[in-house]
Amino acid sequence: MTRRHYPPMMTFHAPECPALAGLLDQFESLPVDQARENYPNHHFDVCAALDITPYVVVESAVPEHLYDPSGTRPDDAVRSLCQKCFGTHGEDAGREVINVRAKRGSGPGKGLVIPGE
């Protein structure tokens, strides 16, 4: 099985959403099916949930933050989903990626895998 990174949760809006008035050029607009494929962790804003629209405007659902593992890991995910954004924080520029390697030594920590060491 190939494991992958999950993108952060996104909010899908209808193009005519009043909350985005004058801001549409700052957000990505995609066909609904492509948006669902690109952002499996999404939810629909009330504006998009009430109206059938062929395109949605994609907005980040959470502000920038550090990776906070939740312990929930889909079978195809590289690691646990973040508690805040339900993504894995990988592959995007500026995202925190944790490198894990075995640490050799003696004592109680022998054989432990320590993130970032």
N, C-alpha and C. Protein backbone atom coordinates (compact mmCIF):
# COMPACT_ATOMS: atom_id res chain seq x y z
N MET A 1 0.84 -1.18 0.00
CA MET A 1 0.00 0.00 0.00
C MET A 1 0.89 1.25 0.00
N THR A 2 0.53 2.20 -0.81
CA THR A 2 1.23 3.47 -0.85
C THR A 2 0.61 4.41 0.17
N ARG A 3 1.45 4.97 1.01
CA ARG A 3 0.96 5.93 2.00
C ARG A 3 1.11 7.34 1.44
N ARG A 4 0.23 8.23 1.89
CA ARG A 4 0.24 9.60 1.38
C ARG A 4 0.01 10.60 2.50
N HIS A 5 0.32 11.85 2.20
CA HIS A 5 0.01 12.93 3.12
C HIS A 5 -1.40 13.42 2.85
N TYR A 6 -2.09 13.82 3.89
CA TYR A 6 -3.42 14.41 3.77
C TYR A 6 -3.28 15.93 3.87
N PRO A 7 -3.96 16.67 3.01
CA PRO A 7 -3.92 18.13 3.12
C PRO A 7 -4.75 18.58 4.32
N PRO A 8 -4.57 19.83 4.77
CA PRO A 8 -5.38 20.32 5.89
C PRO A 8 -6.85 20.45 5.48
N MET A 9 -7.74 20.51 6.47
CA MET A 9 -9.16 20.66 6.19
C MET A 9 -9.42 21.97 5.47
N MET A 10 -10.32 21.93 4.50
CA MET A 10 -10.71 23.11 3.74
C MET A 10 -12.21 23.32 3.85
N THR A 11 -12.61 24.56 3.69
CA THR A 11 -14.03 24.91 3.65
C THR A 11 -14.38 25.23 2.20
N PHE A 12 -15.45 24.63 1.70
CA PHE A 12 -15.92 24.90 0.34
C PHE A 12 -17.06 25.90 0.40
N HIS A 13 -16.94 26.97 -0.38
CA HIS A 13 -17.97 28.01 -0.46
C HIS A 13 -18.56 28.05 -1.85
N ALA A 14 -19.80 28.51 -1.97
CA ALA A 14 -20.39 28.81 -3.26
C ALA A 14 -19.72 30.09 -3.77
N PRO A 15 -19.53 30.22 -5.10
CA PRO A 15 -18.85 31.42 -5.63
C PRO A 15 -19.52 32.73 -5.23
N GLU A 16 -20.81 32.72 -4.97
CA GLU A 16 -21.52 33.95 -4.60
C GLU A 16 -21.66 34.14 -3.09
N CYS A 17 -20.87 33.44 -2.31
CA CYS A 17 -20.94 33.52 -0.85
C CYS A 17 -20.70 34.96 -0.39
N PRO A 18 -21.61 35.51 0.42
CA PRO A 18 -21.43 36.89 0.89
C PRO A 18 -20.20 37.06 1.79
N ALA A 19 -19.76 36.00 2.46
CA ALA A 19 -18.58 36.10 3.34
C ALA A 19 -17.30 36.34 2.54
N LEU A 20 -17.31 35.99 1.25
CA LEU A 20 -16.12 36.16 0.42
C LEU A 20 -16.23 37.33 -0.54
N ALA A 21 -17.22 38.18 -0.37
CA ALA A 21 -17.43 39.32 -1.26
C ALA A 21 -16.16 40.17 -1.34
N GLY A 22 -15.69 40.39 -2.56
CA GLY A 22 -14.50 41.18 -2.78
C GLY A 22 -13.19 40.44 -2.53
N LEU A 23 -13.26 39.18 -2.11
CA LEU A 23 -12.05 38.41 -1.79
C LEU A 23 -11.85 37.20 -2.70
N LEU A 24 -12.72 37.01 -3.67
CA LEU A 24 -12.67 35.80 -4.50
C LEU A 24 -11.32 35.59 -5.18
N ASP A 25 -10.64 36.66 -5.54
CA ASP A 25 -9.35 36.50 -6.23
C ASP A 25 -8.25 35.97 -5.31
N GLN A 26 -8.49 35.91 -4.02
CA GLN A 26 -7.51 35.40 -3.06
C GLN A 26 -7.64 33.90 -2.82
N PHE A 27 -8.68 33.27 -3.35
CA PHE A 27 -8.94 31.86 -3.10
C PHE A 27 -8.98 31.06 -4.39
N GLU A 28 -8.70 29.77 -4.26
CA GLU A 28 -8.75 28.85 -5.40
C GLU A 28 -10.20 28.48 -5.70
N SER A 29 -10.54 28.42 -6.97
CA SER A 29 -11.87 28.00 -7.40
C SER A 29 -11.72 26.75 -8.25
N LEU A 30 -12.49 25.70 -7.92
CA LEU A 30 -12.37 24.41 -8.60
C LEU A 30 -13.73 23.80 -8.85
N PRO A 31 -13.83 22.92 -9.86
CA PRO A 31 -15.05 22.11 -9.98
C PRO A 31 -15.22 21.28 -8.72
N VAL A 32 -16.44 21.03 -8.31
CA VAL A 32 -16.72 20.33 -7.05
C VAL A 32 -16.02 18.98 -6.98
N ASP A 33 -16.09 18.18 -8.02
CA ASP A 33 -15.47 16.85 -8.00
C ASP A 33 -13.96 16.94 -7.83
N GLN A 34 -13.32 17.88 -8.51
CA GLN A 34 -11.87 18.02 -8.38
C GLN A 34 -11.51 18.54 -6.98
N ALA A 35 -12.30 19.45 -6.44
CA ALA A 35 -12.05 19.96 -5.08
C ALA A 35 -12.15 18.83 -4.06
N ARG A 36 -13.13 17.97 -4.21
CA ARG A 36 -13.28 16.83 -3.28
C ARG A 36 -12.10 15.88 -3.38
N GLU A 37 -11.60 15.67 -4.59
CA GLU A 37 -10.45 14.79 -4.78
C GLU A 37 -9.18 15.42 -4.20
N ASN A 38 -8.98 16.70 -4.45
CA ASN A 38 -7.78 17.39 -3.95
C ASN A 38 -7.78 17.56 -2.44
N TYR A 39 -8.95 17.75 -1.87
CA TYR A 39 -9.07 18.03 -0.43
C TYR A 39 -10.08 17.06 0.21
N PRO A 40 -9.64 15.82 0.50
CA PRO A 40 -10.57 14.84 1.08
C PRO A 40 -11.07 15.26 2.46
N ASN A 41 -10.31 16.10 3.17
CA ASN A 41 -10.75 16.61 4.47
C ASN A 41 -11.39 17.97 4.22
N HIS A 42 -12.66 17.99 3.97
CA HIS A 42 -13.34 19.24 3.68
C HIS A 42 -14.71 19.26 4.34
N HIS A 43 -15.27 20.42 4.41
CA HIS A 43 -16.67 20.56 4.79
C HIS A 43 -17.25 21.71 3.98
N PHE A 44 -18.55 21.68 3.79
CA PHE A 44 -19.22 22.71 3.01
C PHE A 44 -19.73 23.80 3.93
N ASP A 45 -19.44 25.05 3.57
CA ASP A 45 -20.04 26.19 4.26
C ASP A 45 -21.54 26.15 3.96
N VAL A 46 -22.32 26.79 4.78
CA VAL A 46 -23.78 26.81 4.59
C VAL A 46 -24.14 27.31 3.19
N CYS A 47 -23.40 28.28 2.67
CA CYS A 47 -23.71 28.83 1.34
C CYS A 47 -23.62 27.75 0.25
N ALA A 48 -22.66 26.84 0.36
CA ALA A 48 -22.48 25.79 -0.65
C ALA A 48 -23.36 24.58 -0.36
N ALA A 49 -23.67 24.35 0.89
CA ALA A 49 -24.49 23.20 1.25
C ALA A 49 -25.95 23.39 0.83
N LEU A 50 -26.39 24.63 0.78
CA LEU A 50 -27.78 24.91 0.44
C LEU A 50 -28.03 25.03 -1.05
N ASP A 51 -26.97 25.18 -1.82
CA ASP A 51 -27.11 25.42 -3.25
C ASP A 51 -26.25 24.41 -4.01
N ILE A 52 -26.79 23.86 -5.09
CA ILE A 52 -26.01 22.97 -5.94
C ILE A 52 -25.24 23.86 -6.90
N THR A 53 -23.93 23.78 -6.83
CA THR A 53 -23.08 24.62 -7.66
C THR A 53 -22.00 23.76 -8.30
N PRO A 54 -21.67 24.00 -9.58
CA PRO A 54 -20.65 23.19 -10.23
C PRO A 54 -19.23 23.52 -9.77
N TYR A 55 -19.03 24.72 -9.25
CA TYR A 55 -17.72 25.16 -8.76
C TYR A 55 -17.82 25.57 -7.31
N VAL A 56 -16.71 25.41 -6.59
CA VAL A 56 -16.63 25.88 -5.21
C VAL A 56 -15.36 26.72 -5.05
N VAL A 57 -15.40 27.61 -4.10
CA VAL A 57 -14.23 28.39 -3.72
C VAL A 57 -13.66 27.72 -2.48
N VAL A 58 -12.35 27.47 -2.49
CA VAL A 58 -11.70 26.70 -1.44
C VAL A 58 -10.96 27.64 -0.49
N GLU A 59 -11.29 27.54 0.80
CA GLU A 59 -10.65 28.37 1.83
C GLU A 59 -10.13 27.48 2.94
N SER A 60 -8.95 27.80 3.48
CA SER A 60 -8.40 27.04 4.59
C SER A 60 -9.33 27.17 5.79
N ALA A 61 -9.63 26.05 6.44
CA ALA A 61 -10.58 26.05 7.56
C ALA A 61 -9.93 26.42 8.89
N VAL A 62 -8.61 26.35 8.96
CA VAL A 62 -7.91 26.64 10.22
C VAL A 62 -6.69 27.52 9.94
N PRO A 63 -6.30 28.36 10.89
CA PRO A 63 -5.09 29.18 10.70
C PRO A 63 -3.83 28.32 10.80
N GLU A 64 -2.69 28.88 10.41
CA GLU A 64 -1.42 28.17 10.49
C GLU A 64 -1.15 27.73 11.93
N HIS A 65 -0.54 26.57 12.08
CA HIS A 65 -0.28 26.00 13.40
C HIS A 65 0.78 24.90 13.27
N LEU A 66 1.29 24.45 14.37
CA LEU A 66 2.23 23.33 14.38
C LEU A 66 1.49 22.00 14.40
N TYR A 67 2.12 20.99 13.90
CA TYR A 67 1.55 19.64 13.88
C TYR A 67 1.29 19.16 15.31
N ASP A 68 0.06 18.70 15.56
CA ASP A 68 -0.35 18.21 16.87
C ASP A 68 -1.03 16.86 16.63
N PRO A 69 -0.27 15.73 16.72
CA PRO A 69 -0.83 14.43 16.35
C PRO A 69 -2.04 14.03 17.18
N SER A 70 -3.01 13.44 16.49
CA SER A 70 -4.26 13.06 17.14
C SER A 70 -4.31 11.60 17.54
N GLY A 71 -3.51 10.77 16.92
CA GLY A 71 -3.60 9.33 17.16
C GLY A 71 -4.53 8.65 16.16
N THR A 72 -5.28 9.43 15.38
CA THR A 72 -6.14 8.90 14.34
C THR A 72 -5.35 8.85 13.05
N ARG A 73 -5.22 7.65 12.47
CA ARG A 73 -4.43 7.50 11.26
C ARG A 73 -5.17 6.64 10.25
N PRO A 74 -5.63 7.24 9.14
CA PRO A 74 -6.24 6.43 8.09
C PRO A 74 -5.23 5.41 7.55
N ASP A 75 -5.71 4.32 7.01
CA ASP A 75 -4.83 3.24 6.53
C ASP A 75 -3.80 3.72 5.52
N ASP A 76 -4.15 4.72 4.69
CA ASP A 76 -3.23 5.16 3.65
C ASP A 76 -2.45 6.43 4.03
N ALA A 77 -2.55 6.88 5.28
CA ALA A 77 -1.86 8.10 5.71
C ALA A 77 -0.43 7.80 6.15
N VAL A 78 0.47 8.74 5.90
CA VAL A 78 1.86 8.62 6.29
C VAL A 78 1.99 8.58 7.81
N ARG A 79 1.19 9.37 8.50
CA ARG A 79 1.21 9.41 9.96
C ARG A 79 -0.14 9.90 10.46
N SER A 80 -0.28 10.03 11.76
CA SER A 80 -1.55 10.47 12.37
C SER A 80 -1.98 11.82 11.84
N LEU A 81 -3.28 12.02 11.79
CA LEU A 81 -3.83 13.31 11.39
C LEU A 81 -3.64 14.31 12.53
N CYS A 82 -3.47 15.55 12.18
CA CYS A 82 -3.32 16.63 13.16
C CYS A 82 -4.66 16.88 13.84
N GLN A 83 -4.64 17.14 15.14
CA GLN A 83 -5.87 17.42 15.89
C GLN A 83 -6.55 18.71 15.44
N LYS A 84 -5.78 19.64 14.89
CA LYS A 84 -6.33 20.95 14.55
C LYS A 84 -6.86 21.05 13.13
N CYS A 85 -6.15 20.42 12.16
CA CYS A 85 -6.55 20.60 10.77
C CYS A 85 -6.88 19.29 10.05
N PHE A 86 -6.68 18.16 10.69
CA PHE A 86 -6.96 16.84 10.12
C PHE A 86 -6.11 16.54 8.89
N GLY A 87 -4.95 17.20 8.78
CA GLY A 87 -3.98 16.91 7.73
C GLY A 87 -2.77 16.24 8.36
N THR A 88 -1.78 15.88 7.53
CA THR A 88 -0.59 15.24 8.05
C THR A 88 0.64 16.15 8.05
N HIS A 89 0.49 17.38 7.58
CA HIS A 89 1.57 18.38 7.57
C HIS A 89 2.77 17.93 6.77
N GLY A 90 2.56 17.47 5.58
CA GLY A 90 3.67 17.07 4.74
C GLY A 90 3.49 17.50 3.31
N GLU A 91 4.60 17.55 2.58
CA GLU A 91 4.68 17.83 1.15
C GLU A 91 4.39 19.28 0.76
N ASP A 92 3.80 20.09 1.59
CA ASP A 92 3.56 21.48 1.25
C ASP A 92 4.71 22.34 1.75
N ALA A 93 5.06 23.37 1.01
CA ALA A 93 6.13 24.27 1.45
C ALA A 93 5.76 24.88 2.79
N GLY A 94 6.70 24.89 3.70
CA GLY A 94 6.47 25.50 5.00
C GLY A 94 5.82 24.60 6.02
N ARG A 95 5.40 23.41 5.63
CA ARG A 95 4.78 22.49 6.59
C ARG A 95 5.85 21.78 7.38
N GLU A 96 5.57 21.49 8.62
CA GLU A 96 6.51 20.78 9.49
C GLU A 96 6.51 19.30 9.12
N VAL A 97 7.68 18.77 8.81
CA VAL A 97 7.81 17.35 8.52
C VAL A 97 8.73 16.75 9.58
N ILE A 98 8.29 15.69 10.21
CA ILE A 98 9.09 15.05 11.25
C ILE A 98 9.84 13.88 10.63
N ASN A 99 11.16 13.89 10.76
CA ASN A 99 11.99 12.78 10.30
C ASN A 99 12.24 11.86 11.48
N VAL A 100 11.99 10.59 11.30
CA VAL A 100 12.16 9.62 12.39
C VAL A 100 13.27 8.65 12.02
N ARG A 101 14.19 8.43 12.95
CA ARG A 101 15.25 7.44 12.73
C ARG A 101 15.56 6.77 14.06
N ALA A 102 16.11 5.59 13.98
CA ALA A 102 16.46 4.86 15.20
C ALA A 102 17.66 5.52 15.86
N LYS A 103 17.65 5.60 17.16
CA LYS A 103 18.77 6.15 17.92
C LYS A 103 19.45 5.00 18.64
N ARG A 104 20.75 4.85 18.41
CA ARG A 104 21.51 3.78 19.06
C ARG A 104 22.10 4.28 20.36
N GLY A 105 22.21 3.40 21.31
CA GLY A 105 22.79 3.78 22.58
C GLY A 105 22.54 2.70 23.61
N SER A 106 22.83 3.02 24.83
CA SER A 106 22.60 2.06 25.90
C SER A 106 21.69 2.69 26.92
N GLY A 107 21.24 1.90 27.85
CA GLY A 107 20.37 2.42 28.89
C GLY A 107 18.91 2.25 28.52
N PRO A 108 18.04 2.91 29.27
CA PRO A 108 16.61 2.71 29.09
C PRO A 108 16.09 3.15 27.73
N GLY A 109 16.79 4.06 27.04
CA GLY A 109 16.33 4.54 25.74
C GLY A 109 16.79 3.71 24.57
N LYS A 110 17.53 2.62 24.83
CA LYS A 110 18.07 1.82 23.74
C LYS A 110 16.97 1.26 22.84
N GLY A 111 17.15 1.50 21.54
CA GLY A 111 16.21 0.96 20.57
C GLY A 111 14.96 1.79 20.36
N LEU A 112 14.81 2.90 21.01
CA LEU A 112 13.63 3.74 20.83
C LEU A 112 13.73 4.54 19.54
N VAL A 113 12.61 4.80 18.92
CA VAL A 113 12.56 5.69 17.77
C VAL A 113 12.15 7.05 18.29
N ILE A 114 13.00 8.04 18.08
CA ILE A 114 12.76 9.36 18.63
C ILE A 114 12.55 10.36 17.49
N PRO A 115 11.39 11.01 17.40
CA PRO A 115 11.15 11.97 16.33
C PRO A 115 12.14 13.12 16.39
N GLY A 116 12.69 13.48 15.22
CA GLY A 116 13.54 14.65 15.09
C GLY A 116 14.94 14.51 15.62
N GLU A 117 15.33 13.38 16.14
CA GLU A 117 16.68 13.21 16.70
C GLU A 117 17.57 12.55 15.68
